[in-house]
């Protein structure tokens, strides 16, 4: 299952460089994960300081 970013996101951008398939983009006001691109690797969850990323 692809990951999703919740409203807990503080838009710090820590997750973006961790995604190996460039599935994370800046949204308004929080970042978003493209479910079509997400490979469910979990790299983004490990670096999120607000624990805003989880499996959908």
PDB file of N, CA and C in Angstrom:
ATOM      1  N   UNK A   1       0.836  -1.188   0.000  1.00  0.00           N
ATOM      2  CA  UNK A   1       0.000   0.000   0.000  1.00  0.00           C
ATOM      3  C   UNK A   1       0.877   1.247   0.000  1.00  0.00           C
ATOM      4  N   UNK A   2       0.513   2.227  -0.760  1.00  0.00           N
ATOM      5  CA  UNK A   2       1.303   3.463  -0.756  1.00  0.00           C
ATOM      6  C   UNK A   2       1.145   4.204   0.569  1.00  0.00           C
ATOM      7  N   UNK A   3       2.128   5.007   0.882  1.00  0.00           N
ATOM      8  CA  UNK A   3       2.088   5.806   2.097  1.00  0.00           C
ATOM      9  C   UNK A   3       1.300   7.094   1.849  1.00  0.00           C
ATOM     10  N   UNK A   4       0.823   7.694   2.927  1.00  0.00           N
ATOM     11  CA  UNK A   4       0.116   8.968   2.856  1.00  0.00           C
ATOM     12  C   UNK A   4       0.670   9.896   3.931  1.00  0.00           C
ATOM     13  N   UNK A   5       0.504  11.186   3.713  1.00  0.00           N
ATOM     14  CA  UNK A   5       0.958  12.192   4.661  1.00  0.00           C
ATOM     15  C   UNK A   5      -0.265  12.823   5.305  1.00  0.00           C
ATOM     16  N   UNK A   6      -0.272  12.841   6.637  1.00  0.00           N
ATOM     17  CA  UNK A   6      -1.418  13.371   7.378  1.00  0.00           C
ATOM     18  C   UNK A   6      -1.279  14.875   7.623  1.00  0.00           C
ATOM     19  N   UNK A   7      -2.303  15.431   8.242  1.00  0.00           N
ATOM     20  CA  UNK A   7      -2.307  16.854   8.580  1.00  0.00           C
ATOM     21  C   UNK A   7      -1.255  17.215   9.629  1.00  0.00           C
ATOM     22  N   UNK A   8      -0.614  16.217  10.214  1.00  0.00           N
ATOM     23  CA  UNK A   8       0.457  16.458  11.185  1.00  0.00           C
ATOM     24  C   UNK A   8       1.729  16.978  10.491  1.00  0.00           C
ATOM     25  N   UNK A   9       1.769  16.915   9.183  1.00  0.00           N
ATOM     26  CA  UNK A   9       2.927  17.371   8.395  1.00  0.00           C
ATOM     27  C   UNK A   9       3.226  18.834   8.686  1.00  0.00           C
ATOM     28  N   UNK A  10       4.508  19.115   8.941  1.00  0.00           N
ATOM     29  CA  UNK A  10       4.939  20.486   9.196  1.00  0.00           C
ATOM     30  C   UNK A  10       5.639  21.084   7.973  1.00  0.00           C
ATOM     31  N   UNK A  11       5.554  20.402   6.845  1.00  0.00           N
ATOM     32  CA  UNK A  11       6.126  20.860   5.574  1.00  0.00           C
ATOM     33  C   UNK A  11       7.603  21.192   5.678  1.00  0.00           C
ATOM     34  N   UNK A  12       8.358  20.339   6.366  1.00  0.00           N
ATOM     35  CA  UNK A  12       9.794  20.578   6.546  1.00  0.00           C
ATOM     36  C   UNK A  12      10.608  20.136   5.332  1.00  0.00           C
ATOM     37  N   UNK A  13      10.070  19.203   4.545  1.00  0.00           N
ATOM     38  CA  UNK A  13      10.762  18.739   3.352  1.00  0.00           C
ATOM     39  C   UNK A  13      11.758  17.625   3.583  1.00  0.00           C
ATOM     40  N   UNK A  14      11.880  17.119   4.795  1.00  0.00           N
ATOM     41  CA  UNK A  14      12.843  16.059   5.104  1.00  0.00           C
ATOM     42  C   UNK A  14      12.601  14.792   4.290  1.00  0.00           C
ATOM     43  N   UNK A  15      11.379  14.517   3.956  1.00  0.00           N
ATOM     44  CA  UNK A  15      11.019  13.289   3.254  1.00  0.00           C
ATOM     45  C   UNK A  15      11.378  13.306   1.771  1.00  0.00           C
ATOM     46  N   UNK A  16      11.373  14.466   1.171  1.00  0.00           N
ATOM     47  CA  UNK A  16      11.537  14.566  -0.292  1.00  0.00           C
ATOM     48  C   UNK A  16      12.823  13.924  -0.808  1.00  0.00           C
ATOM     49  N   UNK A  17      13.991  14.246  -0.256  1.00  0.00           N
ATOM     50  CA  UNK A  17      15.208  13.636  -0.799  1.00  0.00           C
ATOM     51  C   UNK A  17      15.349  12.150  -0.483  1.00  0.00           C
ATOM     52  N   UNK A  18      14.565  11.637   0.441  1.00  0.00           N
ATOM     53  CA  UNK A  18      14.641  10.228   0.814  1.00  0.00           C
ATOM     54  C   UNK A  18      13.885   9.315  -0.136  1.00  0.00           C
ATOM     55  N   UNK A  19      12.945   9.858  -0.887  1.00  0.00           N
ATOM     56  CA  UNK A  19      12.119   9.038  -1.770  1.00  0.00           C
ATOM     57  C   UNK A  19      12.899   8.647  -3.027  1.00  0.00           C
ATOM     58  N   UNK A  20      13.121   7.337  -3.228  1.00  0.00           N
ATOM     59  CA  UNK A  20      13.916   6.902  -4.390  1.00  0.00           C
ATOM     60  C   UNK A  20      13.181   7.010  -5.729  1.00  0.00           C
ATOM     61  N   UNK A  21      11.864   7.228  -5.689  1.00  0.00           N
ATOM     62  CA  UNK A  21      11.094   7.309  -6.932  1.00  0.00           C
ATOM     63  C   UNK A  21      10.444   8.677  -7.139  1.00  0.00           C
ATOM     64  N   UNK A  22      10.865   9.664  -6.371  1.00  0.00           N
ATOM     65  CA  UNK A  22      10.348  11.035  -6.492  1.00  0.00           C
ATOM     66  C   UNK A  22       8.822  11.099  -6.420  1.00  0.00           C
ATOM     67  N   UNK A  23       8.256  10.378  -5.445  1.00  0.00           N
ATOM     68  CA  UNK A  23       6.797  10.344  -5.307  1.00  0.00           C
ATOM     69  C   UNK A  23       6.267  11.435  -4.384  1.00  0.00           C
ATOM     70  N   UNK A  24       7.150  12.185  -3.731  1.00  0.00           N
ATOM     71  CA  UNK A  24       6.712  13.193  -2.773  1.00  0.00           C
ATOM     72  C   UNK A  24       6.898  14.587  -3.363  1.00  0.00           C
ATOM     73  N   UNK A  25       5.855  15.398  -3.243  1.00  0.00           N
ATOM     74  CA  UNK A  25       5.906  16.752  -3.782  1.00  0.00           C
ATOM     75  C   UNK A  25       5.309  17.733  -2.778  1.00  0.00           C
ATOM     76  N   UNK A  26       5.725  18.978  -2.906  1.00  0.00           N
ATOM     77  CA  UNK A  26       5.191  20.029  -2.056  1.00  0.00           C
ATOM     78  C   UNK A  26       3.754  20.292  -2.448  1.00  0.00           C
ATOM     79  N   UNK A  27       2.884  20.261  -1.456  1.00  0.00           N
ATOM     80  CA  UNK A  27       1.475  20.543  -1.690  1.00  0.00           C
ATOM     81  C   UNK A  27       1.101  21.840  -1.005  1.00  0.00           C
ATOM     82  N   UNK A  28      -0.163  22.069  -0.860  1.00  0.00           N
ATOM     83  CA  UNK A  28      -0.619  23.291  -0.199  1.00  0.00           C
ATOM     84  C   UNK A  28      -1.657  22.928   0.839  1.00  0.00           C
ATOM     85  N   UNK A  29      -1.355  22.939   2.079  1.00  0.00           N
ATOM     86  CA  UNK A  29      -0.144  23.431   2.744  1.00  0.00           C
ATOM     87  C   UNK A  29       0.853  22.333   3.116  1.00  0.00           C
ATOM     88  N   UNK A  30       0.482  21.046   2.952  1.00  0.00           N
ATOM     89  CA  UNK A  30       1.380  19.962   3.348  1.00  0.00           C
ATOM     90  C   UNK A  30       1.889  19.208   2.126  1.00  0.00           C
ATOM     91  N   UNK A  31       2.904  18.398   2.326  1.00  0.00           N
ATOM     92  CA  UNK A  31       3.446  17.585   1.243  1.00  0.00           C
ATOM     93  C   UNK A  31       2.474  16.453   0.907  1.00  0.00           C
ATOM     94  N   UNK A  32       2.570  15.940  -0.312  1.00  0.00           N
ATOM     95  CA  UNK A  32       1.697  14.861  -0.756  1.00  0.00           C
ATOM     96  C   UNK A  32       2.520  13.757  -1.413  1.00  0.00           C
ATOM     97  N   UNK A  33       2.006  12.537  -1.331  1.00  0.00           N
ATOM     98  CA  UNK A  33       2.662  11.385  -1.945  1.00  0.00           C
ATOM     99  C   UNK A  33       1.807  10.909  -3.110  1.00  0.00           C
ATOM    100  N   UNK A  34       2.432  10.761  -4.266  1.00  0.00           N
ATOM    101  CA  UNK A  34       1.754  10.251  -5.456  1.00  0.00           C
ATOM    102  C   UNK A  34       1.620   8.735  -5.296  1.00  0.00           C
ATOM    103  N   UNK A  35       0.399   8.262  -5.093  1.00  0.00           N
ATOM    104  CA  UNK A  35       0.149   6.840  -4.855  1.00  0.00           C
ATOM    105  C   UNK A  35       0.560   5.977  -6.045  1.00  0.00           C
ATOM    106  N   UNK A  36       0.533   6.529  -7.233  1.00  0.00           N
ATOM    107  CA  UNK A  36       0.922   5.781  -8.432  1.00  0.00           C
ATOM    108  C   UNK A  36       2.425   5.496  -8.447  1.00  0.00           C
ATOM    109  N   UNK A  37       3.215   6.411  -7.898  1.00  0.00           N
ATOM    110  CA  UNK A  37       4.670   6.268  -7.900  1.00  0.00           C
ATOM    111  C   UNK A  37       5.212   5.568  -6.657  1.00  0.00           C
ATOM    112  N   UNK A  38       4.522   5.705  -5.525  1.00  0.00           N
ATOM    113  CA  UNK A  38       5.014   5.182  -4.246  1.00  0.00           C
ATOM    114  C   UNK A  38       5.211   3.669  -4.312  1.00  0.00           C
ATOM    115  N   UNK A  39       6.402   3.219  -3.900  1.00  0.00           N
ATOM    116  CA  UNK A  39       6.717   1.790  -3.898  1.00  0.00           C
ATOM    117  C   UNK A  39       6.635   1.193  -2.498  1.00  0.00           C
ATOM    118  N   UNK A  40       6.169   1.965  -1.528  1.00  0.00           N
ATOM    119  CA  UNK A  40       5.984   1.494  -0.161  1.00  0.00           C
ATOM    120  C   UNK A  40       7.301   1.090   0.503  1.00  0.00           C
ATOM    121  N   UNK A  41       8.381   1.787   0.190  1.00  0.00           N
ATOM    122  CA  UNK A  41       9.682   1.436   0.760  1.00  0.00           C
ATOM    123  C   UNK A  41       9.818   1.882   2.217  1.00  0.00           C
ATOM    124  N   UNK A  42       9.099   2.942   2.603  1.00  0.00           N
ATOM    125  CA  UNK A  42       9.133   3.409   3.984  1.00  0.00           C
ATOM    126  C   UNK A  42      10.272   4.337   4.344  1.00  0.00           C
ATOM    127  N   UNK A  43      11.104   4.698   3.387  1.00  0.00           N
ATOM    128  CA  UNK A  43      12.243   5.580   3.682  1.00  0.00           C
ATOM    129  C   UNK A  43      11.785   6.927   4.232  1.00  0.00           C
ATOM    130  N   UNK A  44      10.661   7.409   3.758  1.00  0.00           N
ATOM    131  CA  UNK A  44      10.151   8.706   4.198  1.00  0.00           C
ATOM    132  C   UNK A  44       9.699   8.686   5.659  1.00  0.00           C
ATOM    133  N   UNK A  45       9.136   7.560   6.090  1.00  0.00           N
ATOM    134  CA  UNK A  45       8.628   7.482   7.467  1.00  0.00           C
ATOM    135  C   UNK A  45       9.751   7.576   8.483  1.00  0.00           C
ATOM    136  N   UNK A  46      10.919   7.087   8.117  1.00  0.00           N
ATOM    137  CA  UNK A  46      12.059   7.074   9.034  1.00  0.00           C
ATOM    138  C   UNK A  46      12.610   8.467   9.323  1.00  0.00           C
ATOM    139  N   UNK A  47      12.420   9.396   8.413  1.00  0.00           N
ATOM    140  CA  UNK A  47      13.001  10.738   8.587  1.00  0.00           C
ATOM    141  C   UNK A  47      11.987  11.805   8.970  1.00  0.00           C
ATOM    142  N   UNK A  48      10.722  11.465   8.998  1.00  0.00           N
ATOM    143  CA  UNK A  48       9.683  12.457   9.299  1.00  0.00           C
ATOM    144  C   UNK A  48       9.709  12.825  10.795  1.00  0.00           C
ATOM    145  N   UNK A  49      10.022  14.087  11.110  1.00  0.00           N
ATOM    146  CA  UNK A  49      10.109  14.488  12.516  1.00  0.00           C
ATOM    147  C   UNK A  49       8.765  14.576  13.223  1.00  0.00           C
ATOM    148  N   UNK A  50       7.679  14.692  12.465  1.00  0.00           N
ATOM    149  CA  UNK A  50       6.365  14.810  13.081  1.00  0.00           C
ATOM    150  C   UNK A  50       5.545  13.524  12.983  1.00  0.00           C
ATOM    151  N   UNK A  51       6.189  12.458  12.489  1.00  0.00           N
ATOM    152  CA  UNK A  51       5.532  11.151  12.335  1.00  0.00           C
ATOM    153  C   UNK A  51       4.207  11.276  11.577  1.00  0.00           C
ATOM    154  N   UNK A  52       4.243  12.081  10.509  1.00  0.00           N
ATOM    155  CA  UNK A  52       3.038  12.353   9.730  1.00  0.00           C
ATOM    156  C   UNK A  52       2.828  11.414   8.554  1.00  0.00           C
ATOM    157  N   UNK A  53       3.762  10.483   8.328  1.00  0.00           N
ATOM    158  CA  UNK A  53       3.665   9.599   7.182  1.00  0.00           C
ATOM    159  C   UNK A  53       3.364   8.174   7.648  1.00  0.00           C
ATOM    160  N   UNK A  54       2.354   7.559   7.031  1.00  0.00           N
ATOM    161  CA  UNK A  54       1.964   6.198   7.397  1.00  0.00           C
ATOM    162  C   UNK A  54       1.429   5.475   6.173  1.00  0.00           C
ATOM    163  N   UNK A  55       1.290   4.162   6.288  1.00  0.00           N
ATOM    164  CA  UNK A  55       0.683   3.391   5.199  1.00  0.00           C
ATOM    165  C   UNK A  55      -0.791   3.765   5.115  1.00  0.00           C
ATOM    166  N   UNK A  56      -1.297   3.803   3.897  1.00  0.00           N
ATOM    167  CA  UNK A  56      -2.710   4.147   3.712  1.00  0.00           C
ATOM    168  C   UNK A  56      -3.604   2.971   3.989  1.00  0.00           C
TER     169      UNK A  56
END
